[in-house]
Amino acid sequence: MTSRDQPVLRLVDSITELSAFDRGCIAVSGSHGGVSSARYAIAARPLLSVFNDAGIGKDQAGIAALRIMQAEGLAACTVSHDSACIGYSRSTLEEGVVNHVNELARALGITPGTALRDHDIVRRQLPK
């Protein structure tokens, strides 16, 4: 968090780049939203984690993190793999369109069908 109590926007191509120092940030990643990604995000405890749905896949494996993180009290969403490059956080931020959210992300104002960068919680952290 910043001194003004605003979350820091953290761009990470891989969610594995987060650490305990990132607690409370808005983590915009290029990672898939699978089980292994959820484990790394849970360890860092961001306010919001953004993943790529990676095509969703069998048994919704590409969005499994949303359910897991909800159970851990953490907000998470995915952007569509058709809108942003997997593995590239800048693409997630600049081009990503949200397609799946958990309830905690919805409570932060994140809604499916809209560009990630257009959500207030993200837009407020963008450079002017």
N, C-alpha and C. Protein backbone atom coordinates (compact mmCIF):
# COMPACT_ATOMS: atom_id res chain seq x y z
N MET A 1 0.84 -1.19 0.00
CA MET A 1 0.00 0.00 0.00
C MET A 1 0.88 1.24 0.00
N THR A 2 0.39 2.29 -0.59
CA THR A 2 1.12 3.54 -0.60
C THR A 2 0.83 4.31 0.67
N SER A 3 1.52 5.41 0.83
CA SER A 3 1.30 6.23 2.02
C SER A 3 -0.11 6.81 2.06
N ARG A 4 -0.75 6.91 0.92
CA ARG A 4 -2.12 7.42 0.89
C ARG A 4 -3.13 6.29 1.04
N ASP A 5 -2.63 5.10 1.41
CA ASP A 5 -3.48 3.93 1.62
C ASP A 5 -4.16 3.46 0.33
N GLN A 6 -3.53 3.70 -0.79
CA GLN A 6 -4.00 3.21 -2.07
C GLN A 6 -3.16 1.99 -2.46
N PRO A 7 -3.78 0.97 -3.02
CA PRO A 7 -2.99 -0.20 -3.42
C PRO A 7 -2.03 0.14 -4.56
N VAL A 8 -0.89 -0.48 -4.54
CA VAL A 8 0.11 -0.31 -5.59
C VAL A 8 -0.24 -1.23 -6.74
N LEU A 9 -0.10 -0.75 -7.95
CA LEU A 9 -0.30 -1.57 -9.14
C LEU A 9 1.01 -2.29 -9.42
N ARG A 10 0.99 -3.62 -9.41
CA ARG A 10 2.20 -4.42 -9.61
C ARG A 10 2.01 -5.27 -10.86
N LEU A 11 2.83 -5.03 -11.88
CA LEU A 11 2.79 -5.81 -13.12
C LEU A 11 3.84 -6.91 -13.03
N VAL A 12 3.40 -8.15 -13.17
CA VAL A 12 4.31 -9.30 -13.13
C VAL A 12 3.93 -10.26 -14.25
N ASP A 13 4.89 -10.56 -15.10
CA ASP A 13 4.60 -11.51 -16.17
C ASP A 13 4.24 -12.88 -15.61
N SER A 14 4.84 -13.23 -14.48
CA SER A 14 4.52 -14.48 -13.79
C SER A 14 4.12 -14.16 -12.35
N ILE A 15 3.06 -14.76 -11.90
CA ILE A 15 2.59 -14.52 -10.53
C ILE A 15 3.64 -14.97 -9.52
N THR A 16 4.58 -15.81 -9.95
CA THR A 16 5.65 -16.28 -9.06
C THR A 16 6.59 -15.14 -8.66
N GLU A 17 6.52 -14.00 -9.34
CA GLU A 17 7.37 -12.85 -9.02
C GLU A 17 6.91 -12.10 -7.77
N LEU A 18 5.70 -12.37 -7.30
CA LEU A 18 5.20 -11.69 -6.10
C LEU A 18 5.88 -12.22 -4.85
N SER A 19 5.94 -11.35 -3.84
CA SER A 19 6.50 -11.75 -2.55
C SER A 19 5.64 -11.14 -1.44
N ALA A 20 6.02 -11.41 -0.23
CA ALA A 20 5.29 -10.85 0.92
C ALA A 20 5.28 -9.33 0.90
N PHE A 21 6.26 -8.71 0.26
CA PHE A 21 6.31 -7.25 0.15
C PHE A 21 5.18 -6.69 -0.72
N ASP A 22 4.54 -7.55 -1.49
CA ASP A 22 3.47 -7.13 -2.39
C ASP A 22 2.08 -7.24 -1.76
N ARG A 23 2.03 -7.59 -0.51
CA ARG A 23 0.74 -7.73 0.18
C ARG A 23 -0.10 -6.47 -0.03
N GLY A 24 -1.38 -6.66 -0.41
CA GLY A 24 -2.29 -5.55 -0.58
C GLY A 24 -2.22 -4.85 -1.93
N CYS A 25 -1.36 -5.31 -2.82
CA CYS A 25 -1.23 -4.68 -4.14
C CYS A 25 -2.35 -5.15 -5.08
N ILE A 26 -2.40 -4.53 -6.23
CA ILE A 26 -3.21 -5.03 -7.33
C ILE A 26 -2.21 -5.73 -8.24
N ALA A 27 -2.27 -7.06 -8.28
CA ALA A 27 -1.31 -7.86 -9.03
C ALA A 27 -1.87 -8.19 -10.40
N VAL A 28 -1.34 -7.55 -11.42
CA VAL A 28 -1.75 -7.81 -12.80
C VAL A 28 -0.68 -8.71 -13.40
N SER A 29 -1.07 -9.94 -13.71
CA SER A 29 -0.09 -10.92 -14.18
C SER A 29 -0.42 -11.40 -15.58
N GLY A 30 0.55 -12.10 -16.13
CA GLY A 30 0.36 -12.79 -17.41
C GLY A 30 0.11 -14.27 -17.19
N SER A 31 0.09 -14.70 -15.94
CA SER A 31 -0.05 -16.11 -15.61
C SER A 31 -1.46 -16.63 -15.85
N HIS A 32 -1.54 -17.93 -16.10
CA HIS A 32 -2.85 -18.60 -16.17
C HIS A 32 -3.49 -18.54 -14.79
N GLY A 33 -4.77 -18.72 -14.76
CA GLY A 33 -5.50 -18.68 -13.49
C GLY A 33 -5.74 -20.06 -12.92
N GLY A 34 -4.73 -20.92 -12.98
CA GLY A 34 -4.85 -22.29 -12.49
C GLY A 34 -4.49 -22.44 -11.03
N VAL A 35 -4.52 -23.67 -10.58
CA VAL A 35 -4.27 -24.01 -9.17
C VAL A 35 -2.89 -23.56 -8.72
N SER A 36 -1.86 -23.82 -9.50
CA SER A 36 -0.52 -23.45 -9.06
C SER A 36 -0.35 -21.94 -8.94
N SER A 37 -0.97 -21.19 -9.82
CA SER A 37 -0.91 -19.73 -9.73
C SER A 37 -1.60 -19.23 -8.47
N ALA A 38 -2.70 -19.87 -8.12
CA ALA A 38 -3.41 -19.48 -6.90
C ALA A 38 -2.51 -19.61 -5.68
N ARG A 39 -1.73 -20.66 -5.62
CA ARG A 39 -0.85 -20.88 -4.47
C ARG A 39 0.14 -19.73 -4.29
N TYR A 40 0.72 -19.26 -5.39
CA TYR A 40 1.67 -18.15 -5.31
C TYR A 40 0.97 -16.86 -4.90
N ALA A 41 -0.20 -16.62 -5.45
CA ALA A 41 -0.94 -15.40 -5.11
C ALA A 41 -1.37 -15.42 -3.64
N ILE A 42 -1.83 -16.55 -3.17
CA ILE A 42 -2.26 -16.66 -1.78
C ILE A 42 -1.10 -16.35 -0.84
N ALA A 43 0.09 -16.82 -1.17
CA ALA A 43 1.27 -16.56 -0.33
C ALA A 43 1.58 -15.07 -0.24
N ALA A 44 1.34 -14.33 -1.33
CA ALA A 44 1.64 -12.89 -1.36
C ALA A 44 0.48 -12.03 -0.83
N ARG A 45 -0.75 -12.52 -0.93
CA ARG A 45 -1.96 -11.85 -0.44
C ARG A 45 -2.22 -10.47 -1.05
N PRO A 46 -2.27 -10.39 -2.38
CA PRO A 46 -2.65 -9.11 -3.00
C PRO A 46 -4.12 -8.79 -2.72
N LEU A 47 -4.46 -7.53 -2.84
CA LEU A 47 -5.85 -7.12 -2.74
C LEU A 47 -6.66 -7.73 -3.89
N LEU A 48 -6.07 -7.69 -5.09
CA LEU A 48 -6.69 -8.24 -6.29
C LEU A 48 -5.62 -8.90 -7.13
N SER A 49 -5.90 -10.11 -7.60
CA SER A 49 -5.01 -10.80 -8.54
C SER A 49 -5.72 -10.93 -9.87
N VAL A 50 -5.00 -10.58 -10.94
CA VAL A 50 -5.55 -10.69 -12.29
C VAL A 50 -4.73 -11.72 -13.05
N PHE A 51 -5.41 -12.68 -13.64
CA PHE A 51 -4.79 -13.76 -14.39
C PHE A 51 -5.33 -13.78 -15.82
N ASN A 52 -4.74 -14.61 -16.66
CA ASN A 52 -5.24 -14.90 -18.00
C ASN A 52 -6.01 -16.22 -17.91
N ASP A 53 -7.14 -16.33 -18.57
CA ASP A 53 -7.92 -17.56 -18.48
C ASP A 53 -7.28 -18.72 -19.24
N ALA A 54 -6.28 -18.43 -20.07
CA ALA A 54 -5.53 -19.45 -20.81
C ALA A 54 -6.43 -20.41 -21.58
N GLY A 55 -7.55 -19.91 -22.06
CA GLY A 55 -8.47 -20.74 -22.82
C GLY A 55 -9.41 -21.57 -21.96
N ILE A 56 -9.36 -21.36 -20.69
CA ILE A 56 -10.15 -22.03 -19.64
C ILE A 56 -9.79 -23.51 -19.51
N GLY A 57 -9.85 -24.28 -20.56
CA GLY A 57 -9.39 -25.67 -20.53
C GLY A 57 -10.33 -26.65 -19.87
N LYS A 58 -9.83 -27.88 -19.79
CA LYS A 58 -10.59 -28.98 -19.23
C LYS A 58 -10.92 -28.71 -17.77
N ASP A 59 -12.14 -28.99 -17.40
CA ASP A 59 -12.62 -28.81 -16.03
C ASP A 59 -12.37 -27.40 -15.50
N GLN A 60 -12.34 -26.42 -16.41
CA GLN A 60 -12.14 -25.01 -16.08
C GLN A 60 -10.83 -24.77 -15.34
N ALA A 61 -9.80 -25.52 -15.72
CA ALA A 61 -8.49 -25.43 -15.06
C ALA A 61 -7.88 -24.03 -15.15
N GLY A 62 -8.14 -23.29 -16.23
CA GLY A 62 -7.55 -21.97 -16.41
C GLY A 62 -8.14 -20.87 -15.54
N ILE A 63 -9.23 -21.19 -14.85
CA ILE A 63 -9.85 -20.21 -13.94
C ILE A 63 -10.04 -20.77 -12.53
N ALA A 64 -9.40 -21.89 -12.23
CA ALA A 64 -9.53 -22.54 -10.92
C ALA A 64 -9.08 -21.65 -9.78
N ALA A 65 -8.15 -20.76 -10.03
CA ALA A 65 -7.63 -19.87 -8.98
C ALA A 65 -8.74 -18.99 -8.38
N LEU A 66 -9.73 -18.64 -9.16
CA LEU A 66 -10.77 -17.75 -8.66
C LEU A 66 -11.51 -18.37 -7.49
N ARG A 67 -11.89 -19.62 -7.62
CA ARG A 67 -12.59 -20.34 -6.56
C ARG A 67 -11.69 -20.53 -5.34
N ILE A 68 -10.46 -20.92 -5.58
CA ILE A 68 -9.51 -21.17 -4.49
C ILE A 68 -9.24 -19.88 -3.72
N MET A 69 -9.04 -18.80 -4.45
CA MET A 69 -8.73 -17.53 -3.80
C MET A 69 -9.94 -16.97 -3.06
N GLN A 70 -11.12 -17.17 -3.58
CA GLN A 70 -12.34 -16.77 -2.87
C GLN A 70 -12.38 -17.45 -1.50
N ALA A 71 -12.08 -18.73 -1.48
CA ALA A 71 -12.09 -19.48 -0.21
C ALA A 71 -11.04 -18.96 0.77
N GLU A 72 -10.00 -18.32 0.25
CA GLU A 72 -8.93 -17.74 1.08
C GLU A 72 -9.17 -16.26 1.39
N GLY A 73 -10.32 -15.74 0.95
CA GLY A 73 -10.66 -14.34 1.23
C GLY A 73 -9.96 -13.35 0.34
N LEU A 74 -9.60 -13.77 -0.88
CA LEU A 74 -8.86 -12.91 -1.81
C LEU A 74 -9.61 -12.73 -3.12
N ALA A 75 -9.61 -11.50 -3.62
CA ALA A 75 -10.27 -11.17 -4.88
C ALA A 75 -9.40 -11.60 -6.06
N ALA A 76 -10.05 -12.14 -7.09
CA ALA A 76 -9.33 -12.55 -8.29
C ALA A 76 -10.24 -12.51 -9.50
N CYS A 77 -9.63 -12.27 -10.64
CA CYS A 77 -10.37 -12.29 -11.90
C CYS A 77 -9.43 -12.76 -13.01
N THR A 78 -10.03 -13.06 -14.15
CA THR A 78 -9.24 -13.39 -15.33
C THR A 78 -9.64 -12.49 -16.48
N VAL A 79 -8.69 -12.32 -17.39
CA VAL A 79 -8.99 -11.71 -18.68
C VAL A 79 -8.99 -12.82 -19.71
N SER A 80 -9.68 -12.59 -20.79
CA SER A 80 -9.78 -13.58 -21.86
C SER A 80 -8.45 -13.74 -22.60
N HIS A 81 -8.11 -14.98 -22.89
CA HIS A 81 -6.90 -15.25 -23.68
C HIS A 81 -7.02 -14.68 -25.10
N ASP A 82 -8.23 -14.39 -25.54
CA ASP A 82 -8.44 -13.76 -26.85
C ASP A 82 -8.16 -12.27 -26.82
N SER A 83 -8.06 -11.69 -25.62
CA SER A 83 -7.86 -10.25 -25.51
C SER A 83 -6.45 -9.87 -25.09
N ALA A 84 -5.73 -10.77 -24.45
CA ALA A 84 -4.39 -10.45 -23.92
C ALA A 84 -3.46 -11.64 -24.09
N CYS A 85 -2.19 -11.34 -24.28
CA CYS A 85 -1.18 -12.39 -24.45
C CYS A 85 -0.89 -13.07 -23.13
N ILE A 86 -0.92 -14.38 -23.12
CA ILE A 86 -0.56 -15.15 -21.94
C ILE A 86 0.92 -14.92 -21.66
N GLY A 87 1.24 -14.67 -20.40
CA GLY A 87 2.63 -14.48 -20.00
C GLY A 87 3.14 -13.06 -20.10
N TYR A 88 2.28 -12.12 -20.44
CA TYR A 88 2.72 -10.74 -20.66
C TYR A 88 1.78 -9.79 -19.91
N SER A 89 2.20 -9.33 -18.76
CA SER A 89 1.34 -8.51 -17.90
C SER A 89 0.93 -7.19 -18.52
N ARG A 90 1.81 -6.58 -19.31
CA ARG A 90 1.47 -5.31 -19.95
C ARG A 90 0.28 -5.51 -20.89
N SER A 91 0.23 -6.63 -21.58
CA SER A 91 -0.91 -6.95 -22.45
C SER A 91 -2.18 -7.15 -21.61
N THR A 92 -2.04 -7.82 -20.47
CA THR A 92 -3.18 -8.00 -19.57
C THR A 92 -3.75 -6.64 -19.18
N LEU A 93 -2.88 -5.73 -18.79
CA LEU A 93 -3.31 -4.40 -18.37
C LEU A 93 -3.88 -3.58 -19.51
N GLU A 94 -3.18 -3.51 -20.61
CA GLU A 94 -3.54 -2.60 -21.69
C GLU A 94 -4.63 -3.13 -22.62
N GLU A 95 -4.72 -4.44 -22.78
CA GLU A 95 -5.65 -5.01 -23.76
C GLU A 95 -6.65 -5.99 -23.16
N GLY A 96 -6.41 -6.44 -21.93
CA GLY A 96 -7.24 -7.48 -21.35
C GLY A 96 -8.68 -7.08 -21.09
N VAL A 97 -9.58 -7.99 -21.42
CA VAL A 97 -11.01 -7.83 -21.14
C VAL A 97 -11.39 -8.88 -20.11
N VAL A 98 -11.90 -8.42 -18.98
CA VAL A 98 -12.28 -9.31 -17.89
C VAL A 98 -13.40 -10.23 -18.36
N ASN A 99 -13.24 -11.52 -18.06
CA ASN A 99 -14.31 -12.45 -18.42
C ASN A 99 -14.81 -13.31 -17.26
N HIS A 100 -14.01 -13.47 -16.20
CA HIS A 100 -14.45 -14.23 -15.04
C HIS A 100 -13.98 -13.51 -13.78
N VAL A 101 -14.84 -13.50 -12.76
CA VAL A 101 -14.51 -12.85 -11.49
C VAL A 101 -15.00 -13.73 -10.34
N ASN A 102 -14.32 -13.64 -9.21
CA ASN A 102 -14.91 -14.25 -8.02
C ASN A 102 -15.72 -13.16 -7.31
N GLU A 103 -16.46 -13.54 -6.30
CA GLU A 103 -17.36 -12.57 -5.65
C GLU A 103 -16.61 -11.43 -4.97
N LEU A 104 -15.43 -11.70 -4.46
CA LEU A 104 -14.65 -10.63 -3.81
C LEU A 104 -14.16 -9.62 -4.84
N ALA A 105 -13.83 -10.07 -6.04
CA ALA A 105 -13.46 -9.13 -7.11
C ALA A 105 -14.68 -8.31 -7.54
N ARG A 106 -15.81 -8.97 -7.62
CA ARG A 106 -17.05 -8.26 -7.97
C ARG A 106 -17.34 -7.17 -6.94
N ALA A 107 -17.08 -7.45 -5.68
CA ALA A 107 -17.29 -6.46 -4.61
C ALA A 107 -16.35 -5.26 -4.76
N LEU A 108 -15.21 -5.45 -5.41
CA LEU A 108 -14.28 -4.35 -5.69
C LEU A 108 -14.66 -3.57 -6.95
N GLY A 109 -15.73 -4.01 -7.61
CA GLY A 109 -16.20 -3.31 -8.81
C GLY A 109 -15.71 -3.91 -10.12
N ILE A 110 -15.10 -5.07 -10.08
CA ILE A 110 -14.62 -5.72 -11.29
C ILE A 110 -15.78 -6.49 -11.91
N THR A 111 -16.08 -6.21 -13.16
CA THR A 111 -17.21 -6.85 -13.82
C THR A 111 -16.78 -7.46 -15.15
N PRO A 112 -17.31 -8.63 -15.47
CA PRO A 112 -17.00 -9.26 -16.76
C PRO A 112 -17.49 -8.41 -17.93
N GLY A 113 -16.76 -8.53 -19.05
CA GLY A 113 -17.16 -7.86 -20.27
C GLY A 113 -16.59 -6.47 -20.46
N THR A 114 -15.75 -6.04 -19.53
CA THR A 114 -15.17 -4.70 -19.63
C THR A 114 -13.64 -4.79 -19.59
N ALA A 115 -13.00 -3.79 -20.17
CA ALA A 115 -11.54 -3.75 -20.18
C ALA A 115 -11.02 -3.62 -18.75
N LEU A 116 -9.99 -4.38 -18.42
CA LEU A 116 -9.41 -4.32 -17.08
C LEU A 116 -9.03 -2.89 -16.71
N ARG A 117 -8.37 -2.20 -17.61
CA ARG A 117 -7.87 -0.85 -17.31
C ARG A 117 -8.99 0.16 -17.06
N ASP A 118 -10.22 -0.16 -17.44
CA ASP A 118 -11.34 0.76 -17.24
C ASP A 118 -11.99 0.65 -15.86
N HIS A 119 -11.62 -0.34 -15.08
CA HIS A 119 -12.18 -0.48 -13.74
C HIS A 119 -11.53 0.54 -12.81
N ASP A 120 -12.34 1.18 -11.99
CA ASP A 120 -11.86 2.27 -11.12
C ASP A 120 -10.63 1.87 -10.29
N ILE A 121 -10.66 0.70 -9.69
CA ILE A 121 -9.58 0.30 -8.80
C ILE A 121 -8.25 0.20 -9.56
N VAL A 122 -8.31 -0.13 -10.84
CA VAL A 122 -7.10 -0.21 -11.67
C VAL A 122 -6.77 1.16 -12.24
N ARG A 123 -7.75 1.83 -12.78
CA ARG A 123 -7.54 3.13 -13.43
C ARG A 123 -6.92 4.15 -12.47
N ARG A 124 -7.33 4.13 -11.20
CA ARG A 124 -6.78 5.07 -10.22
C ARG A 124 -5.28 4.88 -10.01
N GLN A 125 -4.76 3.71 -10.32
CA GLN A 125 -3.34 3.43 -10.09
C GLN A 125 -2.47 3.64 -11.34
N LEU A 126 -3.10 3.93 -12.46
CA LEU A 126 -2.34 4.16 -13.71
C LEU A 126 -1.63 5.50 -13.66
N PRO A 127 -0.46 5.59 -14.26
CA PRO A 127 0.23 6.88 -14.32
C PRO A 127 -0.63 7.90 -15.05
N LYS A 128 -0.56 9.13 -14.58
CA LYS A 128 -1.36 10.21 -15.19
C LYS A 128 -0.74 10.68 -16.47
